Amino acid sequence: MTDKDRADQLEMARQRLHVLEAAVSAVDRRDEVSAVISAAADSAAATEALAALLGTDNAGARAVLGLHWSAFTRARAQYAREDLEEVRRAIAELEQP
């Protein structure tokens, strides 16, 4: 693998990690997330409120806003947590010289 390929894979993994962290946080705080979305005047306001609530940026908040309700089930939440750990391991490997 070239250094460029490794850097590209690392960047993609970091982006995936960011989205998964926001999604797992949203699942853990599903009641608050639902309230924030319901109270928002529009998608832009919901995105801003979610970013503040979850401590993420607009990309993470937009990812949460795009989740289907099925993502909030226990089974899907567990899958997201496992995926999050897998991505963290992949990043650790990619960061090795």
Protein backbone atom coordinates (compact mmCIF):
# COMPACT_ATOMS: atom_id res chain seq x y z
CA MET A 1 0.00 0.00 0.00
CA THR A 2 1.38 3.39 -0.93
CA ASP A 3 1.58 6.27 1.51
CA LYS A 4 -1.11 8.05 -0.50
CA ASP A 5 -3.43 5.04 -0.32
CA ARG A 6 -2.84 4.76 3.42
CA ALA A 7 -3.55 8.47 3.90
CA ASP A 8 -6.74 8.22 1.84
CA GLN A 9 -7.95 5.19 3.79
CA LEU A 10 -7.13 6.89 7.08
CA GLU A 11 -9.10 10.01 6.08
CA MET A 12 -12.12 7.92 5.04
CA ALA A 13 -11.96 5.97 8.28
CA ARG A 14 -11.80 9.17 10.32
CA GLN A 15 -14.84 10.55 8.50
CA ARG A 16 -16.71 7.31 9.15
CA LEU A 17 -15.67 7.43 12.81
CA HIS A 18 -17.01 10.97 13.12
CA VAL A 19 -20.42 9.99 11.71
CA LEU A 20 -20.61 6.83 13.84
CA GLU A 21 -19.75 8.75 17.00
CA ALA A 22 -22.57 11.21 16.27
CA ALA A 23 -25.00 8.37 15.51
CA VAL A 24 -24.17 6.42 18.67
CA SER A 25 -24.48 9.58 20.74
CA ALA A 26 -27.88 10.26 19.14
CA VAL A 27 -29.09 6.74 19.90
CA ASP A 28 -27.95 7.09 23.50
CA ARG A 29 -29.85 10.39 23.74
CA ARG A 30 -32.81 9.45 21.55
CA ASP A 31 -35.43 11.26 23.64
CA GLU A 32 -33.48 14.52 23.55
CA VAL A 33 -32.77 14.09 19.84
CA SER A 34 -36.44 13.53 19.11
CA ALA A 35 -37.42 16.62 21.13
CA VAL A 36 -34.83 18.81 19.39
CA ILE A 37 -35.92 17.68 15.93
CA SER A 38 -39.61 18.09 16.75
CA ALA A 39 -39.06 21.60 18.10
CA ALA A 40 -36.97 22.79 15.14
CA ALA A 41 -38.53 25.15 12.63
CA ASP A 42 -36.76 23.50 9.70
CA SER A 43 -33.89 21.17 8.77
CA ALA A 44 -31.26 23.88 9.15
CA ALA A 45 -32.44 24.68 12.67
CA ALA A 46 -32.59 20.98 13.51
CA THR A 47 -29.04 20.50 12.24
CA GLU A 48 -27.76 23.39 14.33
CA ALA A 49 -29.60 22.20 17.45
CA LEU A 50 -28.40 18.62 17.00
CA ALA A 51 -24.81 19.77 16.57
CA ALA A 52 -25.04 21.69 19.84
CA LEU A 53 -26.80 18.86 21.68
CA LEU A 54 -24.41 16.14 20.54
CA GLY A 55 -21.21 18.18 20.51
CA THR A 56 -20.59 17.48 16.84
CA ASP A 57 -20.28 19.55 13.70
CA ASN A 58 -22.87 20.07 10.98
CA ALA A 59 -21.73 16.97 9.08
CA GLY A 60 -22.33 14.78 12.12
CA ALA A 61 -25.65 16.47 12.84
CA ARG A 62 -26.82 16.06 9.22
CA ALA A 63 -25.92 12.37 9.41
CA VAL A 64 -28.06 12.01 12.55
CA LEU A 65 -30.91 13.94 10.96
CA GLY A 66 -30.79 11.52 8.05
CA LEU A 67 -31.09 8.41 10.21
CA HIS A 68 -34.19 6.27 9.85
CA TRP A 69 -36.10 5.44 13.02
CA SER A 70 -34.94 1.84 12.66
CA ALA A 71 -31.42 3.04 13.51
CA PHE A 72 -32.67 3.70 17.04
CA THR A 73 -33.60 0.08 17.78
CA ARG A 74 -31.43 -1.81 20.27
CA ALA A 75 -30.17 -4.20 17.60
CA ARG A 76 -29.12 -1.44 15.21
CA ALA A 77 -27.61 0.57 18.05
CA GLN A 78 -25.48 -2.43 19.02
CA TYR A 79 -24.38 -2.84 15.41
CA ALA A 80 -23.38 0.85 15.30
CA ARG A 81 -21.33 0.45 18.48
CA GLU A 82 -19.56 -2.60 17.05
CA ASP A 83 -18.92 -0.76 13.79
CA LEU A 84 -17.53 2.17 15.77
CA GLU A 85 -15.03 -0.09 17.56
CA GLU A 86 -14.04 -1.72 14.28
CA VAL A 87 -13.36 1.67 12.69
CA ARG A 88 -11.31 2.72 15.72
CA ARG A 89 -9.19 -0.45 15.35
CA ALA A 90 -8.74 0.19 11.63
CA ILE A 91 -7.59 3.74 12.32
CA ALA A 92 -5.10 2.50 14.90
CA GLU A 93 -3.69 0.04 12.35
CA LEU A 94 -3.51 2.66 9.62
CA GLU A 95 -1.70 5.05 11.96
CA GLN A 96 1.06 2.46 12.51
CA PRO A 97 4.22 3.31 10.52
